Amino acid sequence: MSGWLFLRNFNKQKINNISQRNYINSLVVLTIKIAKATDRTVFAHQANIINTDLFCVIKKIDVLTLLII
């Protein structure tokens, strides 16, 4: 969170140089894109783990059902 506050406060400072302003804006956009991509990757990984665990449970139930019958 301190990184976001730093970027927000840094972006509010008076910047007269256009190239500096563009650099800071690009940095903010890049940081947001990396954060979103990381969130998506973590979410996809967690969903994959849940899906794998669920598949293993279903297979065990299926095997137990065959043994009971």
PDB file of N, CA and C in Angstrom:
ATOM      1  N   MET A   1       0.821  -1.192   0.000  1.00  0.00           N
ATOM      2  CA  MET A   1       0.000   0.000   0.000  1.00  0.00           C
ATOM      3  C   MET A   1       0.866   1.257   0.000  1.00  0.00           C
ATOM      4  N   SER A   2       2.014   1.201   0.655  1.00  0.00           N
ATOM      5  CA  SER A   2       2.880   2.375   0.702  1.00  0.00           C
ATOM      6  C   SER A   2       3.392   2.735  -0.692  1.00  0.00           C
ATOM      7  N   GLY A   3       3.537   1.710  -1.555  1.00  0.00           N
ATOM      8  CA  GLY A   3       3.959   1.977  -2.925  1.00  0.00           C
ATOM      9  C   GLY A   3       2.931   2.790  -3.688  1.00  0.00           C
ATOM     10  N   TRP A   4       1.652   2.459  -3.482  1.00  0.00           N
ATOM     11  CA  TRP A   4       0.575   3.205  -4.146  1.00  0.00           C
ATOM     12  C   TRP A   4       0.530   4.645  -3.641  1.00  0.00           C
ATOM     13  N   LEU A   5       0.696   4.823  -2.318  1.00  0.00           N
ATOM     14  CA  LEU A   5       0.693   6.179  -1.771  1.00  0.00           C
ATOM     15  C   LEU A   5       1.870   6.979  -2.315  1.00  0.00           C
ATOM     16  N   PHE A   6       3.020   6.325  -2.432  1.00  0.00           N
ATOM     17  CA  PHE A   6       4.193   6.999  -2.977  1.00  0.00           C
ATOM     18  C   PHE A   6       3.928   7.459  -4.405  1.00  0.00           C
ATOM     19  N   LEU A   7       3.385   6.557  -5.234  1.00  0.00           N
ATOM     20  CA  LEU A   7       3.116   6.914  -6.628  1.00  0.00           C
ATOM     21  C   LEU A   7       2.084   8.026  -6.723  1.00  0.00           C
ATOM     22  N   ARG A   8       1.043   7.948  -5.882  1.00  0.00           N
ATOM     23  CA  ARG A   8      -0.008   8.961  -5.927  1.00  0.00           C
ATOM     24  C   ARG A   8       0.556  10.329  -5.536  1.00  0.00           C
ATOM     25  N   ASN A   9       1.316  10.378  -4.444  1.00  0.00           N
ATOM     26  CA  ASN A   9       1.892  11.648  -3.999  1.00  0.00           C
ATOM     27  C   ASN A   9       2.943  12.149  -4.980  1.00  0.00           C
ATOM     28  N   PHE A  10       3.706  11.225  -5.550  1.00  0.00           N
ATOM     29  CA  PHE A  10       4.738  11.602  -6.508  1.00  0.00           C
ATOM     30  C   PHE A  10       4.104  12.192  -7.763  1.00  0.00           C
ATOM     31  N   ASN A  11       2.974  11.643  -8.170  1.00  0.00           N
ATOM     32  CA  ASN A  11       2.288  12.106  -9.373  1.00  0.00           C
ATOM     33  C   ASN A  11       1.637  13.467  -9.148  1.00  0.00           C
ATOM     34  N   LYS A  12       1.327  13.827  -7.901  1.00  0.00           N
ATOM     35  CA  LYS A  12       0.686  15.107  -7.606  1.00  0.00           C
ATOM     36  C   LYS A  12       1.676  16.270  -7.611  1.00  0.00           C
ATOM     37  N   GLN A  13       2.964  15.964  -7.499  1.00  0.00           N
ATOM     38  CA  GLN A  13       3.960  17.031  -7.469  1.00  0.00           C
ATOM     39  C   GLN A  13       3.943  17.800  -8.784  1.00  0.00           C
ATOM     40  N   LYS A  14       4.346  19.058  -8.695  1.00  0.00           N
ATOM     41  CA  LYS A  14       4.367  19.908  -9.888  1.00  0.00           C
ATOM     42  C   LYS A  14       5.500  19.455 -10.801  1.00  0.00           C
ATOM     43  N   ILE A  15       5.137  18.981 -11.975  1.00  0.00           N
ATOM     44  CA  ILE A  15       6.139  18.515 -12.936  1.00  0.00           C
ATOM     45  C   ILE A  15       5.987  19.349 -14.203  1.00  0.00           C
ATOM     46  N   ASN A  16       7.010  20.121 -14.492  1.00  0.00           N
ATOM     47  CA  ASN A  16       6.967  20.981 -15.672  1.00  0.00           C
ATOM     48  C   ASN A  16       7.500  20.272 -16.908  1.00  0.00           C
ATOM     49  N   ASN A  17       8.397  19.329 -16.706  1.00  0.00           N
ATOM     50  CA  ASN A  17       9.006  18.633 -17.823  1.00  0.00           C
ATOM     51  C   ASN A  17       8.027  17.570 -18.348  1.00  0.00           C
ATOM     52  N   ILE A  18       7.645  17.672 -19.619  1.00  0.00           N
ATOM     53  CA  ILE A  18       6.657  16.759 -20.196  1.00  0.00           C
ATOM     54  C   ILE A  18       7.175  15.330 -20.220  1.00  0.00           C
ATOM     55  N   SER A  19       8.452  15.137 -20.499  1.00  0.00           N
ATOM     56  CA  SER A  19       8.990  13.776 -20.553  1.00  0.00           C
ATOM     57  C   SER A  19       8.954  13.123 -19.172  1.00  0.00           C
ATOM     58  N   GLN A  20       9.193  13.909 -18.120  1.00  0.00           N
ATOM     59  CA  GLN A  20       9.087  13.362 -16.763  1.00  0.00           C
ATOM     60  C   GLN A  20       7.647  12.970 -16.457  1.00  0.00           C
ATOM     61  N   ARG A  21       6.707  13.803 -16.851  1.00  0.00           N
ATOM     62  CA  ARG A  21       5.291  13.523 -16.607  1.00  0.00           C
ATOM     63  C   ARG A  21       4.872  12.252 -17.353  1.00  0.00           C
ATOM     64  N   ASN A  22       5.312  12.122 -18.602  1.00  0.00           N
ATOM     65  CA  ASN A  22       4.985  10.925 -19.379  1.00  0.00           C
ATOM     66  C   ASN A  22       5.602   9.682 -18.756  1.00  0.00           C
ATOM     67  N   TYR A  23       6.840   9.825 -18.259  1.00  0.00           N
ATOM     68  CA  TYR A  23       7.520   8.691 -17.626  1.00  0.00           C
ATOM     69  C   TYR A  23       6.759   8.235 -16.383  1.00  0.00           C
ATOM     70  N   ILE A  24       6.340   9.188 -15.566  1.00  0.00           N
ATOM     71  CA  ILE A  24       5.625   8.846 -14.332  1.00  0.00           C
ATOM     72  C   ILE A  24       4.269   8.227 -14.660  1.00  0.00           C
ATOM     73  N   ASN A  25       3.561   8.794 -15.619  1.00  0.00           N
ATOM     74  CA  ASN A  25       2.265   8.229 -16.010  1.00  0.00           C
ATOM     75  C   ASN A  25       2.428   6.820 -16.569  1.00  0.00           C
ATOM     76  N   SER A  26       3.468   6.608 -17.365  1.00  0.00           N
ATOM     77  CA  SER A  26       3.736   5.266 -17.895  1.00  0.00           C
ATOM     78  C   SER A  26       4.065   4.296 -16.772  1.00  0.00           C
ATOM     79  N   LEU A  27       4.808   4.764 -15.783  1.00  0.00           N
ATOM     80  CA  LEU A  27       5.160   3.927 -14.637  1.00  0.00           C
ATOM     81  C   LEU A  27       3.916   3.522 -13.853  1.00  0.00           C
ATOM     82  N   VAL A  28       3.001   4.462 -13.660  1.00  0.00           N
ATOM     83  CA  VAL A  28       1.755   4.165 -12.942  1.00  0.00           C
ATOM     84  C   VAL A  28       0.929   3.152 -13.725  1.00  0.00           C
ATOM     85  N   VAL A  29       0.781   3.364 -15.027  1.00  0.00           N
ATOM     86  CA  VAL A  29       0.007   2.439 -15.863  1.00  0.00           C
ATOM     87  C   VAL A  29       0.638   1.053 -15.857  1.00  0.00           C
ATOM     88  N   LEU A  30       1.954   0.995 -15.985  1.00  0.00           N
ATOM     89  CA  LEU A  30       2.655  -0.288 -15.978  1.00  0.00           C
ATOM     90  C   LEU A  30       2.480  -1.006 -14.641  1.00  0.00           C
ATOM     91  N   THR A  31       2.566  -0.266 -13.546  1.00  0.00           N
ATOM     92  CA  THR A  31       2.384  -0.857 -12.218  1.00  0.00           C
ATOM     93  C   THR A  31       0.987  -1.441 -12.073  1.00  0.00           C
ATOM     94  N   ILE A  32      -0.021  -0.723 -12.546  1.00  0.00           N
ATOM     95  CA  ILE A  32      -1.404  -1.215 -12.470  1.00  0.00           C
ATOM     96  C   ILE A  32      -1.570  -2.463 -13.324  1.00  0.00           C
ATOM     97  N   LYS A  33      -0.987  -2.468 -14.532  1.00  0.00           N
ATOM     98  CA  LYS A  33      -1.102  -3.638 -15.409  1.00  0.00           C
ATOM     99  C   LYS A  33      -0.420  -4.855 -14.800  1.00  0.00           C
ATOM    100  N   ILE A  34       0.744  -4.652 -14.194  1.00  0.00           N
ATOM    101  CA  ILE A  34       1.443  -5.771 -13.548  1.00  0.00           C
ATOM    102  C   ILE A  34       0.616  -6.308 -12.391  1.00  0.00           C
ATOM    103  N   ALA A  35       0.028  -5.412 -11.607  1.00  0.00           N
ATOM    104  CA  ALA A  35      -0.794  -5.840 -10.473  1.00  0.00           C
ATOM    105  C   ALA A  35      -1.998  -6.646 -10.951  1.00  0.00           C
ATOM    106  N   LYS A  36      -2.654  -6.186 -12.013  1.00  0.00           N
ATOM    107  CA  LYS A  36      -3.816  -6.911 -12.540  1.00  0.00           C
ATOM    108  C   LYS A  36      -3.407  -8.269 -13.096  1.00  0.00           C
ATOM    109  N   ALA A  37      -2.298  -8.312 -13.824  1.00  0.00           N
ATOM    110  CA  ALA A  37      -1.833  -9.581 -14.389  1.00  0.00           C
ATOM    111  C   ALA A  37      -1.459 -10.555 -13.282  1.00  0.00           C
ATOM    112  N   THR A  38      -0.829 -10.049 -12.232  1.00  0.00           N
ATOM    113  CA  THR A  38      -0.461 -10.905 -11.102  1.00  0.00           C
ATOM    114  C   THR A  38      -1.704 -11.457 -10.432  1.00  0.00           C
ATOM    115  N   ASP A  39      -2.710 -10.592 -10.235  1.00  0.00           N
ATOM    116  CA  ASP A  39      -3.962 -11.047  -9.624  1.00  0.00           C
ATOM    117  C   ASP A  39      -4.608 -12.135 -10.468  1.00  0.00           C
ATOM    118  N   ARG A  40      -4.624 -11.944 -11.787  1.00  0.00           N
ATOM    119  CA  ARG A  40      -5.231 -12.942 -12.672  1.00  0.00           C
ATOM    120  C   ARG A  40      -4.473 -14.258 -12.617  1.00  0.00           C
ATOM    121  N   THR A  41      -3.145 -14.177 -12.589  1.00  0.00           N
ATOM    122  CA  THR A  41      -2.324 -15.390 -12.552  1.00  0.00           C
ATOM    123  C   THR A  41      -2.538 -16.149 -11.254  1.00  0.00           C
ATOM    124  N   VAL A  42      -2.554 -15.426 -10.144  1.00  0.00           N
ATOM    125  CA  VAL A  42      -2.772 -16.068  -8.841  1.00  0.00           C
ATOM    126  C   VAL A  42      -4.159 -16.683  -8.795  1.00  0.00           C
ATOM    127  N   PHE A  43      -5.164 -15.949  -9.293  1.00  0.00           N
ATOM    128  CA  PHE A  43      -6.527 -16.468  -9.290  1.00  0.00           C
ATOM    129  C   PHE A  43      -6.630 -17.726 -10.149  1.00  0.00           C
ATOM    130  N   ALA A  44      -6.014 -17.702 -11.324  1.00  0.00           N
ATOM    131  CA  ALA A  44      -6.059 -18.869 -12.214  1.00  0.00           C
ATOM    132  C   ALA A  44      -5.356 -20.055 -11.573  1.00  0.00           C
ATOM    133  N   HIS A  45      -4.246 -19.802 -10.894  1.00  0.00           N
ATOM    134  CA  HIS A  45      -3.510 -20.880 -10.227  1.00  0.00           C
ATOM    135  C   HIS A  45      -4.350 -21.476  -9.099  1.00  0.00           C
ATOM    136  N   GLN A  46      -4.996 -20.627  -8.307  1.00  0.00           N
ATOM    137  CA  GLN A  46      -5.839 -21.116  -7.219  1.00  0.00           C
ATOM    138  C   GLN A  46      -7.025 -21.900  -7.770  1.00  0.00           C
ATOM    139  N   ALA A  47      -7.629 -21.415  -8.850  1.00  0.00           N
ATOM    140  CA  ALA A  47      -8.753 -22.128  -9.460  1.00  0.00           C
ATOM    141  C   ALA A  47      -8.304 -23.481  -9.985  1.00  0.00           C
ATOM    142  N   ASN A  48      -7.101 -23.550 -10.531  1.00  0.00           N
ATOM    143  CA  ASN A  48      -6.565 -24.809 -11.035  1.00  0.00           C
ATOM    144  C   ASN A  48      -6.355 -25.798  -9.893  1.00  0.00           C
ATOM    145  N   ILE A  49      -5.837 -25.321  -8.757  1.00  0.00           N
ATOM    146  CA  ILE A  49      -5.637 -26.191  -7.595  1.00  0.00           C
ATOM    147  C   ILE A  49      -6.980 -26.718  -7.095  1.00  0.00           C
ATOM    148  N   ILE A  50      -7.972 -25.835  -6.991  1.00  0.00           N
ATOM    149  CA  ILE A  50      -9.304 -26.255  -6.530  1.00  0.00           C
ATOM    150  C   ILE A  50      -9.887 -27.281  -7.490  1.00  0.00           C
ATOM    151  N   ASN A  51      -9.749 -27.030  -8.786  1.00  0.00           N
ATOM    152  CA  ASN A  51     -10.271 -27.942  -9.796  1.00  0.00           C
ATOM    153  C   ASN A  51      -9.593 -29.306  -9.697  1.00  0.00           C
ATOM    154  N   THR A  52      -8.279 -29.332  -9.514  1.00  0.00           N
ATOM    155  CA  THR A  52      -7.531 -30.586  -9.390  1.00  0.00           C
ATOM    156  C   THR A  52      -7.959 -31.350  -8.147  1.00  0.00           C
ATOM    157  N   ASP A  53      -8.082 -30.641  -7.018  1.00  0.00           N
ATOM    158  CA  ASP A  53      -8.514 -31.282  -5.773  1.00  0.00           C
ATOM    159  C   ASP A  53      -9.915 -31.867  -5.925  1.00  0.00           C
ATOM    160  N   LEU A  54     -10.795 -31.115  -6.563  1.00  0.00           N
ATOM    161  CA  LEU A  54     -12.168 -31.584  -6.760  1.00  0.00           C
ATOM    162  C   LEU A  54     -12.186 -32.826  -7.644  1.00  0.00           C
ATOM    163  N   PHE A  55     -11.367 -32.838  -8.687  1.00  0.00           N
ATOM    164  CA  PHE A  55     -11.287 -33.993  -9.576  1.00  0.00           C
ATOM    165  C   PHE A  55     -10.811 -35.226  -8.806  1.00  0.00           C
ATOM    166  N   CYS A  56      -9.803 -35.048  -7.933  1.00  0.00           N
ATOM    167  CA  CYS A  56      -9.291 -36.177  -7.140  1.00  0.00           C
ATOM    168  C   CYS A  56     -10.369 -36.720  -6.210  1.00  0.00           C
ATOM    169  N   VAL A  57     -11.135 -35.838  -5.591  1.00  0.00           N
ATOM    170  CA  VAL A  57     -12.216 -36.273  -4.696  1.00  0.00           C
ATOM    171  C   VAL A  57     -13.270 -37.036  -5.481  1.00  0.00           C
ATOM    172  N   ILE A  58     -13.641 -36.536  -6.647  1.00  0.00           N
ATOM    173  CA  ILE A  58     -14.656 -37.210  -7.469  1.00  0.00           C
ATOM    174  C   ILE A  58     -14.160 -38.588  -7.895  1.00  0.00           C
ATOM    175  N   LYS A  59     -12.890 -38.683  -8.278  1.00  0.00           N
ATOM    176  CA  LYS A  59     -12.338 -39.989  -8.679  1.00  0.00           C
ATOM    177  C   LYS A  59     -12.357 -40.969  -7.508  1.00  0.00           C
ATOM    178  N   LYS A  60     -12.031 -40.503  -6.297  1.00  0.00           N
ATOM    179  CA  LYS A  60     -12.048 -41.376  -5.123  1.00  0.00           C
ATOM    180  C   LYS A  60     -13.463 -41.855  -4.832  1.00  0.00           C
ATOM    181  N   ILE A  61     -14.429 -40.960  -4.945  1.00  0.00           N
ATOM    182  CA  ILE A  61     -15.830 -41.348  -4.724  1.00  0.00           C
ATOM    183  C   ILE A  61     -16.253 -42.369  -5.768  1.00  0.00           C
ATOM    184  N   ASP A  62     -15.836 -42.161  -7.006  1.00  0.00           N
ATOM    185  CA  ASP A  62     -16.176 -43.080  -8.089  1.00  0.00           C
ATOM    186  C   ASP A  62     -15.592 -44.470  -7.820  1.00  0.00           C
ATOM    187  N   VAL A  63     -14.344 -44.531  -7.380  1.00  0.00           N
ATOM    188  CA  VAL A  63     -13.692 -45.813  -7.081  1.00  0.00           C
ATOM    189  C   VAL A  63     -14.384 -46.486  -5.898  1.00  0.00           C
ATOM    190  N   LEU A  64     -14.704 -45.723  -4.866  1.00  0.00           N
ATOM    191  CA  LEU A  64     -15.388 -46.286  -3.699  1.00  0.00           C
ATOM    192  C   LEU A  64     -16.773 -46.809  -4.072  1.00  0.00           C
ATOM    193  N   THR A  65     -17.448 -46.114  -4.955  1.00  0.00           N
ATOM    194  CA  THR A  65     -18.774 -46.557  -5.396  1.00  0.00           C
ATOM    195  C   THR A  65     -18.669 -47.903  -6.104  1.00  0.00           C
ATOM    196  N   LEU A  66     -17.656 -48.071  -6.936  1.00  0.00           N
ATOM    197  CA  LEU A  66     -17.472 -49.349  -7.627  1.00  0.00           C
ATOM    198  C   LEU A  66     -17.158 -50.468  -6.637  1.00  0.00           C
ATOM    199  N   LEU A  67     -16.385 -50.169  -5.598  1.00  0.00           N
ATOM    200  CA  LEU A  67     -16.042 -51.179  -4.600  1.00  0.00           C
ATOM    201  C   LEU A  67     -17.257 -51.577  -3.765  1.00  0.00           C
ATOM    202  N   ILE A  68     -18.123 -50.621  -3.484  1.00  0.00           N
ATOM    203  CA  ILE A  68     -19.314 -50.907  -2.673  1.00  0.00           C
ATOM    204  C   ILE A  68     -20.308 -51.746  -3.468  1.00  0.00           C
ATOM    205  N   ILE A  69     -20.448 -51.433  -4.746  1.00  0.00           N
ATOM    206  CA  ILE A  69     -21.410 -52.166  -5.585  1.00  0.00           C
ATOM    207  C   ILE A  69     -20.845 -53.528  -5.848  1.00  0.00           C
TER     208      ILE A  69
END
